[in-house]
Amino acid sequence: MPVMLMLISLIAIIIIKGSDSISGYSHIILLVSAAFAIVLSAATRSFSKESIRNGFRRSARQIMPAIPLLFLIAAISTTWLLSGVVPTLIEYGLNVLNPTLFLVTTCAVCALVSVLTGSSWSTIATIGVAFIGIGKIMGYEEGWIAGAIISGAYFGDKVSPLSDTTVIASSSCGVDLFDHIRYLMLTAIPAMAIALTVFFCVGLFSGPEMSESHTTDIINALHNTFNITPLTLVIPLVVIVLIILRVRTIYTLAVGSALGIAGIFVFQPKILNMIEGNSLHTAWDHIVATLSILWNETSLSTGDTNLDSFVSTGGITGMLPTVLLVTCAMIFGGALLGTGMLKVIAMAFTRRLSKRSSIVGATVSSGLVLNCCTADQYLSIIIGSNMYRDVYDRYSFEPRLLSRTLEDSVSVTSVLIPWNSCGITQSTVLGVATLTYLPFCVFNILSPLMSMLMAWTGFKIPQMVPAPGVRRV
């Protein structure tokens, strides 16, 4: 009932107010749905204070670590723009990238970086931000740009041995990591090949044509505002090295933010004067200016109206609504866990399973529902593996089929749900609403469908020696 209340309320908001309004109401709907779950539990006399505490504790343990990361991502977005990192990447991108091949190139590059780093969040928060700026300036719709970025980043995150979701999915199902990745490739590669083909065709047949004079005007506006130099690219290079070395994400983002702050003073001193005037005389003035830049919204005048909207930053205050939404999602997930309603949902999915296609289809459906209910991909993977491990064992299916199906249905779809921590974060980082980019995330949409197609055909889905009394399906 609380899940239905939440979904019906969100659909009503979309119909009445439009999809852009969903972020303004999501936190209220999540809190009301969480309260309804607790009230319903008390009314049915299944309420337990200890269970509620455990549910909230479990949900908080998974989601709370994302909050400092969100603040650091806001700091990186601000400092990398004002230090000249993003403007430099935009100029190089405009000079090098072919507008016709922009989407397919964006998807492929994000996939490569994400495979090497094992992190979709880091990929999107760094080069993804640069690509969104380049694409907008070229004239692409923001939905297509974000779709290409997210498709590539989540492909890399899904198949990289460095990815935390890949490790969790394999370990929670008792599967060797590289066996899991090899089996995952059977669905990931076809889905990615189709995605790249779609992005190529969109660029080929409906991509915008950018005149040389327009490109020149934008590059001149960038040079008039920023000091464009390849030295600024040392900052993202250091961050990529830290990611490859498996330094903890929070430390990597903190270093990236610190380098971005230093880059503002070293490479862009005139930016400080534009923002703060000529009032920076003492060390204290510089500290106050830095804190103001990190905290407040900042806007710059470049002489090009299209560019002005891109070089404005929201700062940490711009991330506060996202943090509020993540917190409300955590409360909703904790309420469902604590009241035991999530367990009831799980039983409804697993009660009458018997055939291969229905088992995999139920796993995919459960993954989507869990992503909606828990608002966290890690929690959804762990719960999903516990839900279905016995079912797959009962019908003699290999554990790697379960781990692959969970990745296909949980990891890549979390970013498509507006109140999931992934959807909240990526929409904020890219500045594109979740429901705006959702139809264009070709890889993310195809992955669960590909998993069900493989189950329907039986391709590369062997069964182990069946347990006594269990027939093959």
Protein backbone atom coordinates (compact mmCIF):
# COMPACT_ATOMS: atom_id res chain seq x y z
CA MET A 1 0.00 0.00 0.00
CA PRO A 2 2.69 2.62 0.83
CA VAL A 3 4.48 1.80 -2.43
CA MET A 4 1.24 2.15 -4.39
CA LEU A 5 0.50 5.44 -2.60
CA MET A 6 3.93 6.75 -3.56
CA LEU A 7 3.72 5.67 -7.21
CA ILE A 8 0.16 6.95 -7.68
CA SER A 9 1.09 10.30 -6.09
CA LEU A 10 4.15 10.68 -8.32
CA ILE A 11 2.15 9.82 -11.44
CA ALA A 12 -0.52 12.34 -10.42
CA ILE A 13 2.13 15.05 -9.98
CA ILE A 14 3.57 14.29 -13.42
CA ILE A 15 0.12 14.46 -15.04
CA ILE A 16 -1.02 17.62 -13.23
CA LYS A 17 2.21 19.60 -12.84
CA GLY A 18 4.52 18.05 -15.45
CA SER A 19 7.67 15.94 -15.09
CA ASP A 20 9.83 18.96 -14.19
CA SER A 21 7.80 19.42 -10.97
CA ILE A 22 8.50 15.97 -9.58
CA SER A 23 11.68 17.04 -7.75
CA GLY A 24 9.72 19.64 -5.79
CA TYR A 25 7.22 17.12 -4.47
CA SER A 26 9.21 13.87 -4.22
CA HIS A 27 10.50 14.49 -0.69
CA ILE A 28 6.99 15.19 0.62
CA ILE A 29 5.58 12.08 -1.07
CA LEU A 30 8.39 9.91 0.32
CA LEU A 31 7.86 11.17 3.88
CA VAL A 32 4.07 10.76 3.68
CA SER A 33 4.48 7.22 2.29
CA ALA A 34 6.96 6.35 5.06
CA ALA A 35 4.55 7.67 7.72
CA PHE A 36 1.71 5.72 6.11
CA ALA A 37 3.78 2.52 6.28
CA ILE A 38 4.41 2.98 10.01
CA VAL A 39 0.77 3.89 10.75
CA LEU A 40 -0.44 0.88 8.76
CA SER A 41 1.97 -1.37 10.64
CA ALA A 42 0.70 -0.05 13.98
CA ALA A 43 -2.92 -0.47 12.90
CA THR A 44 -2.34 -4.13 11.98
CA ARG A 45 -0.52 -4.71 15.29
CA SER A 46 2.69 -5.75 13.56
CA PHE A 47 4.54 -2.65 14.80
CA SER A 48 7.82 -3.18 16.65
CA LYS A 49 10.06 -0.35 17.84
CA GLU A 50 13.13 -2.56 17.61
CA SER A 51 12.31 -3.60 14.03
CA ILE A 52 11.74 0.02 13.03
CA ARG A 53 15.07 1.02 14.56
CA ASN A 54 16.84 -1.81 12.76
CA GLY A 55 15.19 -0.86 9.47
CA PHE A 56 16.23 2.77 9.71
CA ARG A 57 19.71 1.77 10.85
CA ARG A 58 20.13 -0.56 7.88
CA SER A 59 18.87 2.02 5.39
CA ALA A 60 21.05 4.77 6.87
CA ARG A 61 24.13 2.55 6.76
CA GLN A 62 23.73 2.24 2.98
CA ILE A 63 22.63 5.77 2.02
CA MET A 64 24.22 8.18 4.54
CA PRO A 65 27.77 7.80 3.09
CA ALA A 66 26.43 9.35 -0.14
CA ILE A 67 25.72 12.70 1.55
CA PRO A 68 29.34 13.89 2.03
CA LEU A 69 30.02 12.66 -1.50
CA LEU A 70 27.23 14.91 -2.78
CA PHE A 71 28.76 17.95 -1.09
CA LEU A 72 32.18 17.10 -2.55
CA ILE A 73 30.66 16.62 -6.02
CA ALA A 74 29.10 20.10 -5.69
CA ALA A 75 32.52 21.48 -4.75
CA ILE A 76 34.20 19.76 -7.71
CA SER A 77 31.55 21.00 -10.15
CA THR A 78 32.08 24.56 -8.92
CA THR A 79 35.86 24.61 -8.65
CA TRP A 80 36.57 22.72 -11.87
CA LEU A 81 34.45 25.20 -13.78
CA LEU A 82 35.94 28.31 -12.17
CA SER A 83 39.52 26.98 -12.27
CA GLY A 84 39.29 26.56 -16.04
CA VAL A 85 39.26 22.75 -16.23
CA VAL A 86 35.82 22.47 -17.82
CA PRO A 87 36.22 25.53 -20.10
CA THR A 88 39.52 24.10 -21.38
CA LEU A 89 37.88 20.73 -22.08
CA ILE A 90 35.02 22.53 -23.86
CA GLU A 91 37.40 24.41 -26.15
CA TYR A 92 39.34 21.25 -27.00
CA GLY A 93 36.09 19.38 -27.51
CA LEU A 94 34.73 22.01 -29.88
CA ASN A 95 37.95 21.94 -31.88
CA VAL A 96 38.36 18.15 -31.99
CA LEU A 97 34.90 16.53 -31.77
CA ASN A 98 32.81 16.11 -34.89
CA PRO A 99 29.22 17.20 -34.10
CA THR A 100 27.84 14.27 -36.12
CA LEU A 101 29.82 11.76 -34.02
CA PHE A 102 29.45 13.62 -30.73
CA LEU A 103 26.88 11.34 -29.05
CA VAL A 104 28.54 8.06 -29.99
CA THR A 105 31.96 9.46 -29.01
CA THR A 106 30.59 10.69 -25.68
CA CYS A 107 29.09 7.28 -24.90
CA ALA A 108 32.27 5.39 -25.89
CA VAL A 109 34.64 7.68 -23.95
CA CYS A 110 32.48 7.58 -20.81
CA ALA A 111 32.36 3.77 -21.09
CA LEU A 112 36.16 3.54 -21.37
CA VAL A 113 36.81 5.89 -18.46
CA SER A 114 34.23 4.10 -16.30
CA VAL A 115 35.77 0.69 -17.07
CA LEU A 116 39.19 1.99 -16.05
CA THR A 117 37.96 3.74 -12.91
CA GLY A 118 35.09 1.42 -11.91
CA SER A 119 32.95 4.42 -10.98
CA SER A 120 29.99 5.83 -12.90
CA TRP A 121 29.61 8.62 -10.32
CA SER A 122 33.20 9.85 -10.77
CA THR A 123 32.97 9.56 -14.56
CA ILE A 124 29.75 11.59 -14.74
CA ALA A 125 30.91 14.19 -12.20
CA THR A 126 34.12 14.86 -14.14
CA ILE A 127 34.17 14.29 -17.91
CA GLY A 128 30.37 13.96 -17.98
CA VAL A 129 30.02 17.58 -16.90
CA ALA A 130 32.38 18.65 -19.69
CA PHE A 131 30.46 16.63 -22.30
CA ILE A 132 27.11 18.10 -21.22
CA GLY A 133 28.54 21.57 -21.77
CA ILE A 134 30.04 20.74 -25.16
CA GLY A 135 26.86 19.05 -26.34
CA LYS A 136 24.62 21.93 -25.31
CA ILE A 137 26.85 24.41 -27.10
CA MET A 138 26.76 22.21 -30.22
CA GLY A 139 22.97 22.34 -30.09
CA TYR A 140 22.04 18.83 -28.93
CA GLU A 141 19.03 18.30 -26.69
CA GLU A 142 20.13 17.79 -23.09
CA GLY A 143 18.22 14.51 -22.83
CA TRP A 144 20.26 12.93 -25.62
CA ILE A 145 23.56 14.19 -24.18
CA ALA A 146 22.79 12.93 -20.66
CA GLY A 147 21.53 9.63 -22.11
CA ALA A 148 24.82 9.06 -23.94
CA ILE A 149 26.88 9.98 -20.85
CA ILE A 150 24.87 7.76 -18.50
CA SER A 151 24.72 4.83 -20.95
CA GLY A 152 28.50 4.81 -21.30
CA ALA A 153 29.24 5.41 -17.62
CA TYR A 154 26.93 2.67 -16.40
CA PHE A 155 28.19 0.15 -18.96
CA GLY A 156 31.71 0.69 -17.65
CA ASP A 157 30.58 0.58 -14.03
CA LYS A 158 28.69 -2.65 -14.70
CA VAL A 159 31.55 -4.62 -16.30
CA SER A 160 34.57 -3.19 -14.49
CA PRO A 161 36.28 -5.40 -11.89
CA LEU A 162 36.96 -2.18 -9.96
CA SER A 163 33.25 -1.39 -9.56
CA ASP A 164 31.73 -1.75 -6.10
CA THR A 165 28.32 -2.81 -7.47
CA THR A 166 29.96 -5.53 -9.58
CA VAL A 167 31.84 -6.84 -6.55
CA ILE A 168 28.71 -6.73 -4.36
CA ALA A 169 26.55 -8.51 -6.97
CA SER A 170 29.06 -11.32 -7.46
CA SER A 171 29.99 -11.79 -3.80
CA SER A 172 26.39 -11.67 -2.51
CA CYS A 173 25.50 -14.50 -4.92
CA GLY A 174 28.67 -16.51 -4.23
CA VAL A 175 30.10 -16.10 -7.75
CA ASP A 176 33.73 -15.54 -8.74
CA LEU A 177 34.15 -11.90 -9.81
CA PHE A 178 35.60 -12.61 -13.25
CA ASP A 179 33.13 -15.43 -13.95
CA HIS A 180 30.40 -12.92 -13.16
CA ILE A 181 31.88 -10.31 -15.52
CA ARG A 182 32.36 -12.80 -18.37
CA TYR A 183 28.76 -13.98 -18.05
CA LEU A 184 27.58 -10.38 -17.78
CA MET A 185 29.16 -9.58 -21.13
CA LEU A 186 26.56 -11.76 -22.89
CA THR A 187 23.89 -9.17 -22.14
CA ALA A 188 26.03 -6.03 -21.72
CA ILE A 189 27.82 -6.11 -25.09
CA PRO A 190 24.68 -6.49 -27.26
CA ALA A 191 22.91 -3.76 -25.26
CA MET A 192 25.91 -1.45 -25.62
CA ALA A 193 26.29 -2.20 -29.34
CA ILE A 194 22.65 -1.23 -29.92
CA ALA A 195 23.10 1.92 -27.80
CA LEU A 196 26.16 3.02 -29.79
CA THR A 197 24.29 2.36 -33.03
CA VAL A 198 21.34 4.48 -31.86
CA PHE A 199 23.60 7.37 -30.81
CA PHE A 200 25.48 7.17 -34.12
CA CYS A 201 22.25 7.25 -36.15
CA VAL A 202 20.85 10.18 -34.14
CA GLY A 203 24.01 12.18 -34.78
CA LEU A 204 24.10 11.17 -38.43
CA PHE A 205 20.48 11.92 -39.32
CA SER A 206 19.34 14.57 -36.85
CA GLY A 207 22.48 15.98 -35.27
CA PRO A 208 22.79 19.79 -35.24
CA GLU A 209 25.07 21.58 -37.66
CA MET A 210 27.33 24.03 -35.91
CA SER A 211 28.76 26.82 -38.03
CA GLU A 212 32.43 27.65 -37.83
CA SER A 213 31.61 31.24 -36.92
CA HIS A 214 29.47 30.10 -33.97
CA THR A 215 32.31 27.89 -32.73
CA THR A 216 34.74 30.78 -33.05
CA ASP A 217 32.42 33.12 -31.13
CA ILE A 218 32.11 30.68 -28.24
CA ILE A 219 35.86 29.99 -28.10
CA ASN A 220 36.53 33.75 -28.10
CA ALA A 221 34.02 34.19 -25.26
CA LEU A 222 35.80 31.45 -23.30
CA HIS A 223 39.18 33.12 -23.84
CA ASN A 224 37.80 36.51 -22.80
CA THR A 225 36.58 35.06 -19.50
CA PHE A 226 39.03 32.25 -18.66
CA ASN A 227 42.72 31.58 -19.00
CA ILE A 228 42.54 28.52 -21.29
CA THR A 229 45.65 26.41 -20.74
CA PRO A 230 46.41 22.68 -20.86
CA LEU A 231 48.00 23.04 -17.42
CA THR A 232 44.50 23.03 -15.89
CA LEU A 233 44.11 19.41 -17.08
CA VAL A 234 46.66 18.34 -14.48
CA ILE A 235 43.79 18.56 -11.96
CA PRO A 236 41.55 15.87 -13.55
CA LEU A 237 44.63 13.81 -14.42
CA VAL A 238 45.57 13.57 -10.74
CA VAL A 239 42.01 12.57 -9.85
CA ILE A 240 41.93 9.84 -12.53
CA VAL A 241 45.23 8.47 -11.21
CA LEU A 242 43.82 8.37 -7.67
CA ILE A 243 40.72 6.53 -8.90
CA ILE A 244 42.82 3.96 -10.78
CA LEU A 245 44.92 3.47 -7.64
CA ARG A 246 41.67 2.63 -5.78
CA VAL A 247 41.96 5.51 -3.33
CA ARG A 248 38.66 5.83 -1.45
CA THR A 249 36.10 7.90 -3.34
CA ILE A 250 35.64 10.46 -0.58
CA TYR A 251 39.39 11.15 -0.43
CA THR A 252 39.66 11.30 -4.22
CA LEU A 253 36.85 13.83 -4.49
CA ALA A 254 38.32 15.85 -1.60
CA VAL A 255 41.67 16.04 -3.39
CA GLY A 256 39.89 17.01 -6.61
CA SER A 257 38.05 19.80 -4.80
CA ALA A 258 41.24 21.07 -3.14
CA LEU A 259 43.09 21.09 -6.45
CA GLY A 260 40.15 22.91 -8.03
CA ILE A 261 40.30 25.60 -5.34
CA ALA A 262 44.04 25.99 -5.86
CA GLY A 263 43.48 26.14 -9.62
CA ILE A 264 41.16 29.14 -9.25
CA PHE A 265 43.90 31.16 -7.54
CA VAL A 266 46.72 29.89 -9.80
CA PHE A 267 45.07 29.87 -13.24
CA GLN A 268 42.06 32.21 -12.96
CA PRO A 269 42.89 35.21 -10.74
CA LYS A 270 40.70 37.48 -12.88
CA ILE A 271 37.71 35.24 -12.13
CA LEU A 272 38.11 36.07 -8.44
CA ASN A 273 38.08 39.78 -9.27
CA MET A 274 34.94 39.33 -11.40
CA ILE A 275 33.17 37.58 -8.52
CA GLU A 276 34.50 39.43 -5.50
CA GLY A 277 35.66 42.70 -7.01
CA ASN A 278 39.08 44.04 -6.01
CA SER A 279 38.56 43.51 -2.29
CA LEU A 280 40.98 40.57 -1.83
CA HIS A 281 43.94 41.96 0.10
CA THR A 282 44.62 39.63 3.03
CA ALA A 283 44.74 35.87 3.54
CA TRP A 284 41.45 36.12 5.43
CA ASP A 285 39.83 37.82 2.42
CA HIS A 286 40.91 34.92 0.23
CA ILE A 287 39.53 32.34 2.68
CA VAL A 288 36.17 34.13 2.86
CA ALA A 289 36.06 34.41 -0.96
CA THR A 290 36.79 30.69 -1.33
CA LEU A 291 34.04 29.71 1.12
CA SER A 292 31.62 32.06 -0.61
CA ILE A 293 32.37 30.53 -4.02
CA LEU A 294 31.92 27.00 -2.68
CA TRP A 295 28.71 27.79 -0.81
CA ASN A 296 26.82 30.29 -2.96
CA GLU A 297 25.52 30.39 -6.50
CA THR A 298 27.96 32.08 -8.87
CA SER A 299 27.24 33.60 -12.27
CA LEU A 300 29.63 35.04 -14.84
CA SER A 301 29.16 37.25 -17.88
CA THR A 302 31.07 35.93 -20.90
CA GLY A 303 29.44 38.00 -23.62
CA ASP A 304 27.66 34.94 -25.03
CA THR A 305 24.17 34.30 -23.60
CA ASN A 306 24.28 30.57 -24.36
CA LEU A 307 27.60 30.24 -22.57
CA ASP A 308 26.50 32.38 -19.60
CA SER A 309 23.92 29.82 -18.51
CA PHE A 310 26.54 27.07 -18.54
CA VAL A 311 29.27 28.87 -16.60
CA SER A 312 26.98 29.62 -13.66
CA THR A 313 27.40 27.35 -10.63
CA GLY A 314 25.00 26.35 -7.88
CA GLY A 315 27.59 25.70 -5.17
CA ILE A 316 26.78 23.65 -2.10
CA THR A 317 23.46 25.48 -1.64
CA GLY A 318 22.41 24.11 -5.02
CA MET A 319 23.03 20.58 -3.72
CA LEU A 320 20.95 21.00 -0.53
CA PRO A 321 17.62 20.00 -2.18
CA THR A 322 19.33 16.84 -3.42
CA VAL A 323 20.62 16.01 0.06
CA LEU A 324 17.10 16.54 1.44
CA LEU A 325 15.68 14.17 -1.17
CA VAL A 326 18.31 11.51 -0.44
CA THR A 327 17.50 11.76 3.28
CA CYS A 328 13.76 11.36 2.61
CA ALA A 329 14.48 8.35 0.40
CA MET A 330 16.50 6.84 3.24
CA ILE A 331 13.57 7.33 5.64
CA PHE A 332 11.15 5.71 3.17
CA GLY A 333 13.44 2.70 2.66
CA GLY A 334 13.96 2.37 6.42
CA ALA A 335 10.19 2.39 7.03
CA LEU A 336 9.60 -0.41 4.52
CA LEU A 337 12.43 -2.47 5.98
CA GLY A 338 11.42 -1.87 9.59
CA THR A 339 7.73 -2.65 9.12
CA GLY A 340 8.51 -5.85 7.22
CA MET A 341 6.56 -4.68 4.15
CA LEU A 342 9.59 -5.22 1.93
CA LYS A 343 9.62 -8.87 2.98
CA VAL A 344 5.94 -9.17 2.01
CA ILE A 345 6.71 -7.70 -1.41
CA ALA A 346 9.56 -10.20 -1.82
CA MET A 347 7.30 -13.14 -0.98
CA ALA A 348 4.74 -11.95 -3.53
CA PHE A 349 7.39 -12.10 -6.25
CA THR A 350 8.86 -15.50 -5.37
CA ARG A 351 5.74 -17.47 -4.36
CA ARG A 352 4.72 -19.05 -7.71
CA LEU A 353 7.90 -19.29 -9.77
CA SER A 354 8.65 -22.41 -11.78
CA LYS A 355 9.93 -21.67 -15.29
CA ARG A 356 13.25 -20.17 -16.36
CA SER A 357 11.69 -17.13 -18.04
CA SER A 358 9.36 -16.43 -15.11
CA ILE A 359 12.19 -16.73 -12.57
CA VAL A 360 14.43 -14.29 -14.46
CA GLY A 361 11.47 -12.02 -15.25
CA ALA A 362 10.50 -11.93 -11.57
CA THR A 363 14.11 -11.14 -10.61
CA VAL A 364 14.16 -8.23 -13.06
CA SER A 365 10.79 -6.94 -11.82
CA SER A 366 11.92 -7.28 -8.22
CA GLY A 367 15.08 -5.33 -8.98
CA LEU A 368 13.05 -2.43 -10.32
CA VAL A 369 10.65 -2.52 -7.37
CA LEU A 370 13.52 -2.74 -4.86
CA ASN A 371 15.20 0.24 -6.51
CA CYS A 372 11.95 2.16 -6.03
CA CYS A 373 11.42 0.99 -2.44
CA THR A 374 14.92 1.15 -0.96
CA ALA A 375 16.16 4.09 -3.09
CA ASP A 376 19.61 2.49 -2.99
CA GLN A 377 21.22 0.12 -5.49
CA TYR A 378 23.51 -1.60 -2.95
CA LEU A 379 20.65 -2.47 -0.62
CA SER A 380 18.56 -3.64 -3.58
CA ILE A 381 21.29 -6.01 -4.80
CA ILE A 382 21.81 -7.52 -1.34
CA ILE A 383 18.08 -7.98 -0.69
CA GLY A 384 17.55 -9.36 -4.21
CA SER A 385 20.28 -11.96 -3.80
CA ASN A 386 18.78 -13.11 -0.49
CA MET A 387 15.29 -13.24 -2.04
CA TYR A 388 16.20 -15.43 -4.99
CA ARG A 389 19.21 -17.51 -3.98
CA ASP A 390 17.07 -20.44 -2.82
CA VAL A 391 14.77 -20.18 -5.86
CA TYR A 392 17.66 -20.43 -8.32
CA ASP A 393 19.18 -23.28 -6.32
CA ARG A 394 15.85 -25.13 -6.18
CA TYR A 395 15.60 -25.18 -9.97
CA SER A 396 19.32 -25.87 -10.47
CA PHE A 397 20.23 -22.58 -12.14
CA GLU A 398 23.78 -21.33 -11.73
CA PRO A 399 24.34 -18.52 -9.20
CA ARG A 400 25.97 -16.42 -11.93
CA LEU A 401 22.57 -16.20 -13.67
CA LEU A 402 21.21 -14.55 -10.53
CA SER A 403 24.19 -12.19 -10.16
CA ARG A 404 23.93 -11.16 -13.83
CA THR A 405 20.18 -10.58 -13.65
CA LEU A 406 20.58 -8.43 -10.52
CA GLU A 407 23.20 -6.28 -12.25
CA ASP A 408 21.00 -5.94 -15.34
CA SER A 409 17.94 -4.96 -13.32
CA VAL A 410 19.35 -3.05 -10.34
CA SER A 411 22.71 -1.42 -11.04
CA VAL A 412 21.82 0.14 -14.39
CA THR A 413 18.22 1.13 -13.63
CA SER A 414 18.88 2.90 -10.33
CA VAL A 415 19.82 6.05 -12.24
CA LEU A 416 16.41 6.06 -13.99
CA ILE A 417 14.40 6.44 -10.77
CA PRO A 418 13.97 10.10 -9.68
CA TRP A 419 14.08 9.38 -5.91
CA ASN A 420 16.83 6.74 -5.99
CA SER A 421 20.17 8.04 -4.72
CA CYS A 422 21.72 7.47 -8.18
CA GLY A 423 18.91 9.22 -10.04
CA ILE A 424 18.96 12.14 -7.62
CA THR A 425 22.72 12.57 -7.85
CA GLN A 426 23.19 12.26 -11.61
CA SER A 427 20.27 14.56 -12.43
CA THR A 428 21.75 17.18 -10.12
CA VAL A 429 25.32 16.81 -11.41
CA LEU A 430 24.30 16.99 -15.08
CA GLY A 431 21.55 19.56 -14.52
CA VAL A 432 19.05 17.37 -16.40
CA ALA A 433 15.87 16.02 -14.78
CA THR A 434 15.72 12.24 -14.42
CA LEU A 435 12.52 11.91 -16.44
CA THR A 436 14.05 14.11 -19.15
CA TYR A 437 17.06 11.85 -19.74
CA LEU A 438 15.29 8.53 -18.98
CA PRO A 439 14.00 7.82 -22.55
CA PHE A 440 17.48 8.41 -23.98
CA CYS A 441 19.47 6.09 -21.66
CA VAL A 442 19.42 3.36 -24.30
CA PHE A 443 21.85 0.98 -22.60
CA ASN A 444 20.14 1.26 -19.21
CA ILE A 445 16.72 0.51 -20.71
CA LEU A 446 17.96 -2.39 -22.85
CA SER A 447 19.91 -4.20 -20.10
CA PRO A 448 16.94 -5.69 -18.19
CA LEU A 449 15.17 -6.43 -21.49
CA MET A 450 18.28 -8.24 -22.75
CA SER A 451 18.38 -10.31 -19.57
CA MET A 452 14.79 -11.42 -20.10
CA LEU A 453 15.42 -12.13 -23.80
CA MET A 454 18.32 -14.43 -22.90
CA ALA A 455 16.10 -16.24 -20.39
CA TRP A 456 13.34 -16.67 -22.96
CA THR A 457 15.72 -18.15 -25.58
CA GLY A 458 17.75 -20.12 -23.01
CA PHE A 459 20.98 -18.90 -24.62
CA LYS A 460 24.00 -19.86 -22.51
CA ILE A 461 21.81 -20.69 -19.49
CA PRO A 462 22.83 -24.19 -18.41
CA GLN A 463 21.32 -25.97 -15.45
CA MET A 464 23.34 -27.77 -12.83
CA VAL A 465 22.46 -31.29 -11.72
CA PRO A 466 18.92 -30.84 -10.38
CA ALA A 467 18.10 -31.43 -6.76
CA PRO A 468 16.13 -34.64 -5.98
CA GLY A 469 12.47 -34.28 -6.91
CA VAL A 470 12.99 -31.14 -8.97
CA ARG A 471 12.34 -31.37 -12.69
CA ARG A 472 14.26 -29.37 -15.29
CA VAL A 473 12.54 -26.32 -16.76
